[in-house]
Amino acid sequence: MTQRYEPFQEPTGTWAVNDAWTGRPAEMGSRTIVGMNQHDAEELADLLNGLNAQRQEAKS
């Protein structure tokens, strides 16, 4: 299964989390998830993918 959220390196060298459904950086509340280090972006993408999987299972 394709993951909805994936970390990616921005042109500035920092990292962001991309939302594959929108093609844009992911958002949490009113904050866009950009300007992070690689480790944090990877961990946050894993967390968001886990939460998304739980939501999808709850809908089933």
PDB file of N, CA and C in Angstrom:
ATOM      1  N   MET A   1       0.846  -1.192   0.000  1.00  0.00           N
ATOM      2  CA  MET A   1       0.000   0.000   0.000  1.00  0.00           C
ATOM      3  C   MET A   1       0.886   1.248   0.000  1.00  0.00           C
ATOM      4  N   THR A   2       0.537   2.194  -0.823  1.00  0.00           N
ATOM      5  CA  THR A   2       1.283   3.441  -0.900  1.00  0.00           C
ATOM      6  C   THR A   2       1.001   4.279   0.346  1.00  0.00           C
ATOM      7  N   GLN A   3       2.043   4.856   0.881  1.00  0.00           N
ATOM      8  CA  GLN A   3       1.906   5.706   2.054  1.00  0.00           C
ATOM      9  C   GLN A   3       1.399   7.082   1.623  1.00  0.00           C
ATOM     10  N   ARG A   4       0.510   7.630   2.414  1.00  0.00           N
ATOM     11  CA  ARG A   4      -0.015   8.959   2.096  1.00  0.00           C
ATOM     12  C   ARG A   4       1.033  10.040   2.364  1.00  0.00           C
ATOM     13  N   TYR A   5       1.791   9.909   3.438  1.00  0.00           N
ATOM     14  CA  TYR A   5       2.750  10.938   3.845  1.00  0.00           C
ATOM     15  C   TYR A   5       4.175  10.450   3.638  1.00  0.00           C
ATOM     16  N   GLU A   6       5.000  11.280   2.999  1.00  0.00           N
ATOM     17  CA  GLU A   6       6.380  10.922   2.741  1.00  0.00           C
ATOM     18  C   GLU A   6       7.288  12.119   2.997  1.00  0.00           C
ATOM     19  N   PRO A   7       8.431  11.881   3.671  1.00  0.00           N
ATOM     20  CA  PRO A   7       9.392  12.971   3.864  1.00  0.00           C
ATOM     21  C   PRO A   7      10.106  13.272   2.541  1.00  0.00           C
ATOM     22  N   PHE A   8      10.448  14.530   2.331  1.00  0.00           N
ATOM     23  CA  PHE A   8      11.236  14.898   1.156  1.00  0.00           C
ATOM     24  C   PHE A   8      12.106  16.097   1.479  1.00  0.00           C
ATOM     25  N   GLN A   9      13.241  16.151   0.782  1.00  0.00           N
ATOM     26  CA  GLN A   9      14.171  17.250   1.010  1.00  0.00           C
ATOM     27  C   GLN A   9      13.804  18.433   0.131  1.00  0.00           C
ATOM     28  N   GLU A  10      13.718  19.582   0.759  1.00  0.00           N
ATOM     29  CA  GLU A  10      13.380  20.814   0.055  1.00  0.00           C
ATOM     30  C   GLU A  10      14.633  21.386  -0.618  1.00  0.00           C
ATOM     31  N   PRO A  11      14.468  22.280  -1.594  1.00  0.00           N
ATOM     32  CA  PRO A  11      15.631  22.883  -2.269  1.00  0.00           C
ATOM     33  C   PRO A  11      16.580  23.609  -1.310  1.00  0.00           C
ATOM     34  N   THR A  12      16.059  24.051  -0.174  1.00  0.00           N
ATOM     35  CA  THR A  12      16.883  24.773   0.805  1.00  0.00           C
ATOM     36  C   THR A  12      17.731  23.838   1.656  1.00  0.00           C
ATOM     37  N   GLY A  13      17.513  22.512   1.510  1.00  0.00           N
ATOM     38  CA  GLY A  13      18.264  21.550   2.306  1.00  0.00           C
ATOM     39  C   GLY A  13      17.523  21.065   3.535  1.00  0.00           C
ATOM     40  N   THR A  14      16.441  21.741   3.901  1.00  0.00           N
ATOM     41  CA  THR A  14      15.627  21.273   5.016  1.00  0.00           C
ATOM     42  C   THR A  14      14.652  20.226   4.497  1.00  0.00           C
ATOM     43  N   TRP A  15      13.912  19.621   5.410  1.00  0.00           N
ATOM     44  CA  TRP A  15      12.989  18.544   5.040  1.00  0.00           C
ATOM     45  C   TRP A  15      11.557  18.929   5.340  1.00  0.00           C
ATOM     46  N   ALA A  16      10.631  18.339   4.595  1.00  0.00           N
ATOM     47  CA  ALA A  16       9.199  18.555   4.776  1.00  0.00           C
ATOM     48  C   ALA A  16       8.510  17.201   4.661  1.00  0.00           C
ATOM     49  N   VAL A  17       7.222  17.173   4.987  1.00  0.00           N
ATOM     50  CA  VAL A  17       6.414  15.968   4.819  1.00  0.00           C
ATOM     51  C   VAL A  17       5.375  16.276   3.755  1.00  0.00           C
ATOM     52  N   ASN A  18       5.388  15.476   2.697  1.00  0.00           N
ATOM     53  CA  ASN A  18       4.468  15.677   1.583  1.00  0.00           C
ATOM     54  C   ASN A  18       3.208  14.824   1.761  1.00  0.00           C
ATOM     55  N   ASP A  19       2.067  15.400   1.419  1.00  0.00           N
ATOM     56  CA  ASP A  19       0.796  14.679   1.409  1.00  0.00           C
ATOM     57  C   ASP A  19       0.536  14.243  -0.029  1.00  0.00           C
ATOM     58  N   ALA A  20       0.646  12.939  -0.304  1.00  0.00           N
ATOM     59  CA  ALA A  20       0.490  12.418  -1.664  1.00  0.00           C
ATOM     60  C   ALA A  20      -0.909  12.661  -2.214  1.00  0.00           C
ATOM     61  N   TRP A  21      -1.910  12.804  -1.361  1.00  0.00           N
ATOM     62  CA  TRP A  21      -3.280  13.015  -1.833  1.00  0.00           C
ATOM     63  C   TRP A  21      -3.468  14.408  -2.403  1.00  0.00           C
ATOM     64  N   THR A  22      -2.747  15.389  -1.840  1.00  0.00           N
ATOM     65  CA  THR A  22      -2.896  16.763  -2.315  1.00  0.00           C
ATOM     66  C   THR A  22      -1.726  17.214  -3.178  1.00  0.00           C
ATOM     67  N   GLY A  23      -0.576  16.519  -3.060  1.00  0.00           N
ATOM     68  CA  GLY A  23       0.620  16.920  -3.786  1.00  0.00           C
ATOM     69  C   GLY A  23       1.309  18.125  -3.185  1.00  0.00           C
ATOM     70  N   ARG A  24       0.930  18.469  -1.968  1.00  0.00           N
ATOM     71  CA  ARG A  24       1.485  19.634  -1.267  1.00  0.00           C
ATOM     72  C   ARG A  24       2.047  19.214   0.071  1.00  0.00           C
ATOM     73  N   PRO A  25       2.834  20.081   0.711  1.00  0.00           N
ATOM     74  CA  PRO A  25       3.299  19.747   2.055  1.00  0.00           C
ATOM     75  C   PRO A  25       2.108  19.506   2.985  1.00  0.00           C
ATOM     76  N   ALA A  26       2.264  18.525   3.857  1.00  0.00           N
ATOM     77  CA  ALA A  26       1.202  18.187   4.803  1.00  0.00           C
ATOM     78  C   ALA A  26       0.991  19.324   5.795  1.00  0.00           C
ATOM     79  N   GLU A  27      -0.180  19.323   6.405  1.00  0.00           N
ATOM     80  CA  GLU A  27      -0.518  20.331   7.409  1.00  0.00           C
ATOM     81  C   GLU A  27      -1.024  19.647   8.662  1.00  0.00           C
ATOM     82  N   MET A  28      -0.703  20.236   9.789  1.00  0.00           N
ATOM     83  CA  MET A  28      -1.254  19.817  11.081  1.00  0.00           C
ATOM     84  C   MET A  28      -1.899  21.063  11.669  1.00  0.00           C
ATOM     85  N   GLY A  29      -3.202  21.027  11.754  1.00  0.00           N
ATOM     86  CA  GLY A  29      -3.906  22.234  12.187  1.00  0.00           C
ATOM     87  C   GLY A  29      -3.675  23.322  11.154  1.00  0.00           C
ATOM     88  N   SER A  30      -3.157  24.443  11.574  1.00  0.00           N
ATOM     89  CA  SER A  30      -2.893  25.547  10.653  1.00  0.00           C
ATOM     90  C   SER A  30      -1.415  25.638  10.276  1.00  0.00           C
ATOM     91  N   ARG A  31      -0.612  24.629  10.657  1.00  0.00           N
ATOM     92  CA  ARG A  31       0.827  24.662  10.391  1.00  0.00           C
ATOM     93  C   ARG A  31       1.200  23.740   9.239  1.00  0.00           C
ATOM     94  N   THR A  32       1.963  24.258   8.305  1.00  0.00           N
ATOM     95  CA  THR A  32       2.506  23.455   7.216  1.00  0.00           C
ATOM     96  C   THR A  32       3.779  22.788   7.722  1.00  0.00           C
ATOM     97  N   ILE A  33       3.944  21.502   7.409  1.00  0.00           N
ATOM     98  CA  ILE A  33       5.068  20.738   7.948  1.00  0.00           C
ATOM     99  C   ILE A  33       6.257  20.866   7.002  1.00  0.00           C
ATOM    100  N   VAL A  34       7.065  21.905   7.243  1.00  0.00           N
ATOM    101  CA  VAL A  34       8.253  22.196   6.445  1.00  0.00           C
ATOM    102  C   VAL A  34       9.372  22.659   7.369  1.00  0.00           C
ATOM    103  N   GLY A  35      10.592  22.738   6.825  1.00  0.00           N
ATOM    104  CA  GLY A  35      11.711  23.313   7.571  1.00  0.00           C
ATOM    105  C   GLY A  35      12.238  22.432   8.690  1.00  0.00           C
ATOM    106  N   MET A  36      12.168  21.124   8.521  1.00  0.00           N
ATOM    107  CA  MET A  36      12.587  20.199   9.572  1.00  0.00           C
ATOM    108  C   MET A  36      13.903  19.532   9.202  1.00  0.00           C
ATOM    109  N   ASN A  37      14.487  18.796  10.175  1.00  0.00           N
ATOM    110  CA  ASN A  37      15.630  17.961   9.832  1.00  0.00           C
ATOM    111  C   ASN A  37      15.097  16.616   9.335  1.00  0.00           C
ATOM    112  N   GLN A  38      15.945  15.815   8.712  1.00  0.00           N
ATOM    113  CA  GLN A  38      15.521  14.566   8.087  1.00  0.00           C
ATOM    114  C   GLN A  38      14.910  13.595   9.090  1.00  0.00           C
ATOM    115  N   HIS A  39      15.546  13.440  10.227  1.00  0.00           N
ATOM    116  CA  HIS A  39      15.058  12.493  11.238  1.00  0.00           C
ATOM    117  C   HIS A  39      13.637  12.847  11.688  1.00  0.00           C
ATOM    118  N   ASP A  40      13.400  14.107  11.991  1.00  0.00           N
ATOM    119  CA  ASP A  40      12.074  14.532  12.442  1.00  0.00           C
ATOM    120  C   ASP A  40      11.028  14.363  11.343  1.00  0.00           C
ATOM    121  N   ALA A  41      11.390  14.664  10.102  1.00  0.00           N
ATOM    122  CA  ALA A  41      10.444  14.510   8.989  1.00  0.00           C
ATOM    123  C   ALA A  41      10.073  13.043   8.804  1.00  0.00           C
ATOM    124  N   GLU A  42      11.054  12.145   8.913  1.00  0.00           N
ATOM    125  CA  GLU A  42      10.769  10.713   8.779  1.00  0.00           C
ATOM    126  C   GLU A  42       9.873  10.213   9.899  1.00  0.00           C
ATOM    127  N   GLU A  43      10.158  10.629  11.134  1.00  0.00           N
ATOM    128  CA  GLU A  43       9.332  10.204  12.269  1.00  0.00           C
ATOM    129  C   GLU A  43       7.908  10.744  12.166  1.00  0.00           C
ATOM    130  N   LEU A  44       7.770  11.989  11.762  1.00  0.00           N
ATOM    131  CA  LEU A  44       6.443  12.578  11.648  1.00  0.00           C
ATOM    132  C   LEU A  44       5.653  11.922  10.517  1.00  0.00           C
ATOM    133  N   ALA A  45       6.301  11.618   9.409  1.00  0.00           N
ATOM    134  CA  ALA A  45       5.620  10.924   8.313  1.00  0.00           C
ATOM    135  C   ALA A  45       5.135   9.551   8.780  1.00  0.00           C
ATOM    136  N   ASP A  46       5.958   8.829   9.537  1.00  0.00           N
ATOM    137  CA  ASP A  46       5.550   7.524  10.075  1.00  0.00           C
ATOM    138  C   ASP A  46       4.337   7.671  10.990  1.00  0.00           C
ATOM    139  N   LEU A  47       4.365   8.668  11.845  1.00  0.00           N
ATOM    140  CA  LEU A  47       3.256   8.908  12.767  1.00  0.00           C
ATOM    141  C   LEU A  47       1.977   9.232  11.998  1.00  0.00           C
ATOM    142  N   LEU A  48       2.062  10.128  11.029  1.00  0.00           N
ATOM    143  CA  LEU A  48       0.883  10.510  10.254  1.00  0.00           C
ATOM    144  C   LEU A  48       0.337   9.337   9.449  1.00  0.00           C
ATOM    145  N   ASN A  49       1.221   8.510   8.894  1.00  0.00           N
ATOM    146  CA  ASN A  49       0.764   7.329   8.158  1.00  0.00           C
ATOM    147  C   ASN A  49       0.067   6.344   9.086  1.00  0.00           C
ATOM    148  N   GLY A  50       0.563   6.184  10.313  1.00  0.00           N
ATOM    149  CA  GLY A  50      -0.091   5.315  11.281  1.00  0.00           C
ATOM    150  C   GLY A  50      -1.477   5.822  11.649  1.00  0.00           C
ATOM    151  N   LEU A  51      -1.594   7.110  11.881  1.00  0.00           N
ATOM    152  CA  LEU A  51      -2.897   7.696  12.202  1.00  0.00           C
ATOM    153  C   LEU A  51      -3.856   7.582  11.024  1.00  0.00           C
ATOM    154  N   ASN A  52      -3.351   7.776   9.822  1.00  0.00           N
ATOM    155  CA  ASN A  52      -4.188   7.658   8.632  1.00  0.00           C
ATOM    156  C   ASN A  52      -4.691   6.224   8.480  1.00  0.00           C
ATOM    157  N   ALA A  53      -3.832   5.245   8.729  1.00  0.00           N
ATOM    158  CA  ALA A  53      -4.235   3.836   8.634  1.00  0.00           C
ATOM    159  C   ALA A  53      -5.321   3.517   9.659  1.00  0.00           C
ATOM    160  N   GLN A  54      -5.197   4.059  10.863  1.00  0.00           N
ATOM    161  CA  GLN A  54      -6.222   3.847  11.897  1.00  0.00           C
ATOM    162  C   GLN A  54      -7.556   4.442  11.466  1.00  0.00           C
ATOM    163  N   ARG A  55      -7.525   5.631  10.864  1.00  0.00           N
ATOM    164  CA  ARG A  55      -8.764   6.264  10.391  1.00  0.00           C
ATOM    165  C   ARG A  55      -9.414   5.427   9.301  1.00  0.00           C
ATOM    166  N   GLN A  56      -8.588   4.906   8.385  1.00  0.00           N
ATOM    167  CA  GLN A  56      -9.129   4.098   7.293  1.00  0.00           C
ATOM    168  C   GLN A  56      -9.744   2.801   7.818  1.00  0.00           C
ATOM    169  N   GLU A  57      -9.117   2.174   8.816  1.00  0.00           N
ATOM    170  CA  GLU A  57      -9.654   0.964   9.404  1.00  0.00           C
ATOM    171  C   GLU A  57     -10.958   1.232  10.137  1.00  0.00           C
ATOM    172  N   ALA A  58     -11.043   2.372  10.794  1.00  0.00           N
ATOM    173  CA  ALA A  58     -12.261   2.716  11.536  1.00  0.00           C
ATOM    174  C   ALA A  58     -13.442   2.934  10.579  1.00  0.00           C
ATOM    175  N   LYS A  59     -13.158   3.392   9.359  1.00  0.00           N
ATOM    176  CA  LYS A  59     -14.211   3.606   8.369  1.00  0.00           C
ATOM    177  C   LYS A  59     -14.728   2.290   7.803  1.00  0.00           C
ATOM    178  N   SER A  60     -13.906   1.248   7.857  1.00  0.00           N
ATOM    179  CA  SER A  60     -14.272  -0.051   7.266  1.00  0.00           C
ATOM    180  C   SER A  60     -15.225  -0.818   8.132  1.00  0.00           C
TER     181      SER A  60
END
